[in-house]
C-alpha cells in the first residue's frame, strides 16, 4: 500500500487520512492539515490495487465506519468523515 507521509511541525497526534485522489473535499482536508502544520499520513484509496483495497475496506469496516471519503482518523479514537474543519480542529486541539 502506498502510504504517503506529510511532515509537519505538529506531531502531537497520529493522523491518518483515507482519501480519493480526485475528491475535492479530500484535497481540502489535506491542504487544511498542511496549513495547520499537522504531520499526517494518507492513502489515496482509488490508487490501491485490489489486495490493498481489501485491506482498506477491512480496516474501515472493523471500526464500524462507512466507506466515505475523506476519512480522518486521529489517534485511532476520533473518526471524521467528510471535510469538517471545526471537528478536525477540535480533535487536534488547533
N, C-alpha and C. Protein backbone atom coordinates (compact mmCIF):
# COMPACT_ATOMS: atom_id res chain seq x y z
N UNK A 1 0.86 -1.18 0.00
CA UNK A 1 0.00 0.00 0.00
C UNK A 1 0.90 1.24 0.00
N UNK A 2 0.56 2.20 -0.81
CA UNK A 2 1.36 3.42 -0.93
C UNK A 2 0.88 4.46 0.10
N UNK A 3 1.48 4.39 1.29
CA UNK A 3 1.15 5.34 2.35
C UNK A 3 2.11 6.53 2.22
N UNK A 4 1.55 7.72 2.11
CA UNK A 4 2.34 8.93 1.95
C UNK A 4 2.39 9.65 3.29
N UNK A 5 3.60 10.03 3.70
CA UNK A 5 3.79 10.76 4.94
C UNK A 5 4.02 12.23 4.62
N UNK A 6 3.29 13.10 5.29
CA UNK A 6 3.45 14.53 5.11
C UNK A 6 3.97 15.08 6.43
N UNK A 7 5.17 15.61 6.40
CA UNK A 7 5.78 16.13 7.62
C UNK A 7 5.15 17.45 8.03
N UNK A 8 5.12 17.68 9.33
CA UNK A 8 4.59 18.92 9.86
C UNK A 8 5.21 19.19 11.22
N UNK A 9 5.10 20.42 11.68
CA UNK A 9 5.65 20.80 12.97
C UNK A 9 4.85 20.23 14.13
N UNK A 10 3.58 19.95 13.90
CA UNK A 10 2.71 19.45 14.95
C UNK A 10 2.51 17.95 14.77
N UNK A 11 3.19 17.17 15.60
CA UNK A 11 3.05 15.72 15.52
C UNK A 11 2.55 15.15 16.85
N UNK A 12 1.73 15.94 17.54
CA UNK A 12 1.20 15.52 18.84
C UNK A 12 0.18 14.39 18.71
N UNK A 13 -0.39 14.24 17.53
CA UNK A 13 -1.40 13.20 17.30
C UNK A 13 -1.02 12.36 16.10
N UNK A 14 -1.47 11.11 16.13
CA UNK A 14 -1.31 10.24 14.97
C UNK A 14 -2.52 10.48 14.07
N UNK A 15 -2.27 11.06 12.90
CA UNK A 15 -3.35 11.40 11.98
C UNK A 15 -3.18 10.59 10.70
N UNK A 16 -4.24 9.90 10.32
CA UNK A 16 -4.23 9.11 9.09
C UNK A 16 -5.49 9.44 8.30
N UNK A 17 -5.32 9.63 7.00
CA UNK A 17 -6.44 10.02 6.14
C UNK A 17 -6.59 9.00 5.01
N UNK A 18 -7.80 8.46 4.88
CA UNK A 18 -8.16 7.71 3.69
C UNK A 18 -8.81 8.72 2.76
N UNK A 19 -8.31 8.80 1.53
CA UNK A 19 -8.79 9.82 0.59
C UNK A 19 -8.92 9.22 -0.81
N UNK A 20 -9.48 10.03 -1.69
CA UNK A 20 -9.52 9.72 -3.12
C UNK A 20 -8.73 10.82 -3.83
N UNK A 21 -7.94 10.45 -4.80
CA UNK A 21 -7.07 11.41 -5.47
C UNK A 21 -7.85 12.47 -6.25
N UNK A 22 -9.08 12.16 -6.63
CA UNK A 22 -9.88 13.08 -7.45
C UNK A 22 -10.92 13.85 -6.65
N UNK A 23 -10.97 13.66 -5.35
CA UNK A 23 -12.01 14.23 -4.49
C UNK A 23 -11.61 15.63 -4.00
N UNK A 24 -12.45 16.61 -4.30
CA UNK A 24 -12.17 18.00 -3.90
C UNK A 24 -12.14 18.13 -2.37
N UNK A 25 -13.04 17.42 -1.67
CA UNK A 25 -13.07 17.51 -0.20
C UNK A 25 -11.83 16.86 0.40
N UNK A 26 -11.35 15.81 -0.23
CA UNK A 26 -10.12 15.15 0.23
C UNK A 26 -8.94 16.10 0.08
N UNK A 27 -8.88 16.79 -1.05
CA UNK A 27 -7.80 17.76 -1.28
C UNK A 27 -7.87 18.89 -0.26
N UNK A 28 -9.09 19.36 0.05
CA UNK A 28 -9.24 20.42 1.06
C UNK A 28 -8.78 19.95 2.43
N UNK A 29 -9.09 18.70 2.75
CA UNK A 29 -8.67 18.14 4.04
C UNK A 29 -7.15 18.11 4.13
N UNK A 30 -6.49 17.62 3.11
CA UNK A 30 -5.02 17.56 3.10
C UNK A 30 -4.44 18.96 3.20
N UNK A 31 -4.98 19.89 2.44
CA UNK A 31 -4.49 21.27 2.46
C UNK A 31 -4.67 21.89 3.84
N UNK A 32 -5.82 21.66 4.46
CA UNK A 32 -6.09 22.18 5.80
C UNK A 32 -5.05 21.65 6.80
N UNK A 33 -4.80 20.35 6.77
CA UNK A 33 -3.81 19.76 7.68
C UNK A 33 -2.42 20.35 7.45
N UNK A 34 -2.06 20.52 6.19
CA UNK A 34 -0.75 21.10 5.87
C UNK A 34 -0.66 22.55 6.34
N UNK A 35 -1.71 23.32 6.13
CA UNK A 35 -1.71 24.73 6.55
C UNK A 35 -1.59 24.86 8.07
N UNK A 36 -2.13 23.89 8.79
CA UNK A 36 -2.06 23.90 10.26
C UNK A 36 -0.76 23.27 10.77
N UNK A 37 0.08 22.79 9.85
CA UNK A 37 1.36 22.20 10.24
C UNK A 37 1.23 20.83 10.88
N UNK A 38 0.13 20.14 10.59
CA UNK A 38 -0.13 18.82 11.18
C UNK A 38 0.62 17.75 10.39
N UNK A 39 1.37 16.93 11.09
CA UNK A 39 2.01 15.79 10.45
C UNK A 39 0.95 14.70 10.29
N UNK A 40 0.88 14.10 9.10
CA UNK A 40 -0.12 13.07 8.86
C UNK A 40 0.33 12.12 7.77
N UNK A 41 -0.38 11.03 7.67
CA UNK A 41 -0.18 10.07 6.60
C UNK A 41 -1.50 9.88 5.88
N UNK A 42 -1.41 9.53 4.60
CA UNK A 42 -2.65 9.28 3.84
C UNK A 42 -2.44 8.23 2.78
N UNK A 43 -3.56 7.68 2.36
CA UNK A 43 -3.61 6.75 1.24
C UNK A 43 -4.71 7.22 0.31
N UNK A 44 -4.40 7.33 -0.96
CA UNK A 44 -5.42 7.59 -1.97
C UNK A 44 -6.00 6.23 -2.36
N UNK A 45 -7.18 5.94 -1.83
CA UNK A 45 -7.79 4.63 -1.96
C UNK A 45 -8.04 4.24 -3.41
N UNK A 46 -8.36 5.21 -4.25
CA UNK A 46 -8.63 4.90 -5.66
C UNK A 46 -7.38 4.49 -6.42
N UNK A 47 -6.23 4.64 -5.81
CA UNK A 47 -4.98 4.23 -6.45
C UNK A 47 -4.45 2.91 -5.89
N UNK A 48 -5.23 2.27 -5.03
CA UNK A 48 -4.84 0.99 -4.44
C UNK A 48 -5.16 -0.16 -5.40
N UNK A 49 -4.34 -1.21 -5.32
CA UNK A 49 -4.68 -2.41 -6.08
C UNK A 49 -5.75 -3.18 -5.30
N UNK A 50 -6.24 -4.24 -5.88
CA UNK A 50 -7.35 -4.98 -5.27
C UNK A 50 -7.02 -5.50 -3.88
N UNK A 51 -5.81 -5.99 -3.70
CA UNK A 51 -5.39 -6.53 -2.40
C UNK A 51 -5.37 -5.43 -1.33
N UNK A 52 -4.78 -4.28 -1.67
CA UNK A 52 -4.72 -3.17 -0.72
C UNK A 52 -6.12 -2.60 -0.46
N UNK A 53 -6.94 -2.56 -1.49
CA UNK A 53 -8.30 -2.07 -1.32
C UNK A 53 -9.08 -2.95 -0.34
N UNK A 54 -8.85 -4.25 -0.40
CA UNK A 54 -9.50 -5.17 0.54
C UNK A 54 -9.03 -4.87 1.97
N UNK A 55 -7.75 -4.55 2.14
CA UNK A 55 -7.22 -4.21 3.47
C UNK A 55 -7.82 -2.91 3.98
N UNK A 56 -7.94 -1.93 3.09
CA UNK A 56 -8.54 -0.65 3.46
C UNK A 56 -9.98 -0.87 3.91
N UNK A 57 -10.73 -1.60 3.10
CA UNK A 57 -12.13 -1.87 3.41
C UNK A 57 -12.25 -2.58 4.76
N UNK A 58 -11.40 -3.58 4.99
CA UNK A 58 -11.45 -4.33 6.26
C UNK A 58 -11.13 -3.41 7.44
N UNK A 59 -10.16 -2.53 7.29
CA UNK A 59 -9.80 -1.60 8.37
C UNK A 59 -10.96 -0.66 8.69
N UNK A 60 -11.54 -0.09 7.66
CA UNK A 60 -12.64 0.86 7.86
C UNK A 60 -13.86 0.15 8.45
N UNK A 61 -14.22 -1.01 7.92
CA UNK A 61 -15.38 -1.74 8.41
C UNK A 61 -15.17 -2.24 9.84
N UNK A 62 -13.93 -2.59 10.20
CA UNK A 62 -13.66 -3.07 11.56
C UNK A 62 -13.93 -1.99 12.61
N UNK A 63 -13.89 -0.75 12.18
CA UNK A 63 -14.16 0.37 13.08
C UNK A 63 -15.63 0.80 13.01
N UNK A 64 -16.42 0.08 12.19
CA UNK A 64 -17.83 0.38 12.07
C UNK A 64 -18.10 1.66 11.30
N UNK A 65 -17.18 2.02 10.41
CA UNK A 65 -17.29 3.28 9.67
C UNK A 65 -17.72 3.03 8.22
N UNK A 66 -18.31 4.02 7.59
CA UNK A 66 -18.69 3.87 6.18
C UNK A 66 -17.50 4.10 5.25
N UNK A 67 -17.58 3.53 4.07
CA UNK A 67 -16.56 3.77 3.04
C UNK A 67 -16.88 5.11 2.39
N UNK A 68 -16.57 6.18 3.09
CA UNK A 68 -16.86 7.53 2.65
C UNK A 68 -15.60 8.36 2.83
N UNK A 69 -15.34 9.25 1.91
CA UNK A 69 -14.06 9.96 1.91
C UNK A 69 -14.25 11.46 1.85
N UNK A 70 -13.34 12.21 2.46
CA UNK A 70 -12.19 11.75 3.22
C UNK A 70 -12.62 11.17 4.57
N UNK A 71 -11.80 10.28 5.07
CA UNK A 71 -11.97 9.72 6.41
C UNK A 71 -10.70 10.05 7.18
N UNK A 72 -10.85 10.90 8.19
CA UNK A 72 -9.72 11.32 9.01
C UNK A 72 -9.77 10.54 10.32
N UNK A 73 -8.69 9.85 10.62
CA UNK A 73 -8.60 9.08 11.86
C UNK A 73 -7.52 9.72 12.72
N UNK A 74 -7.90 10.11 13.93
CA UNK A 74 -6.97 10.79 14.83
C UNK A 74 -6.77 9.91 16.06
N UNK A 75 -5.53 9.47 16.25
CA UNK A 75 -5.16 8.62 17.38
C UNK A 75 -6.01 7.35 17.47
N UNK A 76 -6.55 6.90 16.35
CA UNK A 76 -7.44 5.73 16.31
C UNK A 76 -8.59 5.84 17.30
N UNK A 77 -8.96 7.08 17.65
CA UNK A 77 -10.06 7.31 18.59
C UNK A 77 -11.13 8.21 17.99
N UNK A 78 -10.71 9.23 17.28
CA UNK A 78 -11.66 10.16 16.65
C UNK A 78 -11.69 9.87 15.16
N UNK A 79 -12.90 9.72 14.62
CA UNK A 79 -13.07 9.41 13.21
C UNK A 79 -14.00 10.45 12.62
N UNK A 80 -13.50 11.17 11.61
CA UNK A 80 -14.27 12.25 11.00
C UNK A 80 -14.42 11.94 9.51
N UNK A 81 -15.67 11.78 9.10
CA UNK A 81 -15.96 11.51 7.70
C UNK A 81 -16.38 12.81 7.04
N UNK A 82 -15.74 13.14 5.93
CA UNK A 82 -16.02 14.38 5.24
C UNK A 82 -15.10 15.49 5.71
N UNK A 83 -15.16 16.61 5.03
CA UNK A 83 -14.32 17.76 5.39
C UNK A 83 -15.09 18.65 6.36
N UNK A 84 -14.71 18.54 7.63
CA UNK A 84 -15.32 19.33 8.69
C UNK A 84 -14.20 20.00 9.48
N UNK A 85 -13.82 21.18 9.03
CA UNK A 85 -12.72 21.93 9.64
C UNK A 85 -12.88 22.04 11.15
N UNK A 86 -14.08 22.35 11.60
CA UNK A 86 -14.31 22.54 13.03
C UNK A 86 -14.08 21.25 13.82
N UNK A 87 -14.56 20.13 13.33
CA UNK A 87 -14.38 18.86 14.03
C UNK A 87 -12.92 18.41 14.02
N UNK A 88 -12.24 18.61 12.90
CA UNK A 88 -10.82 18.25 12.82
C UNK A 88 -10.02 19.13 13.78
N UNK A 89 -10.29 20.44 13.77
CA UNK A 89 -9.59 21.37 14.66
C UNK A 89 -9.81 20.99 16.12
N UNK A 90 -11.03 20.70 16.46
CA UNK A 90 -11.35 20.33 17.85
C UNK A 90 -10.61 19.06 18.27
N UNK A 91 -10.65 18.05 17.42
CA UNK A 91 -9.99 16.79 17.75
C UNK A 91 -8.48 16.93 17.87
N UNK A 92 -7.91 17.87 17.10
CA UNK A 92 -6.46 18.08 17.13
C UNK A 92 -6.04 19.16 18.11
N UNK A 93 -7.00 19.91 18.61
CA UNK A 93 -6.68 21.00 19.53
C UNK A 93 -5.95 22.16 18.87
N UNK A 94 -6.34 22.45 17.64
CA UNK A 94 -5.71 23.57 16.91
C UNK A 94 -6.75 24.63 16.55
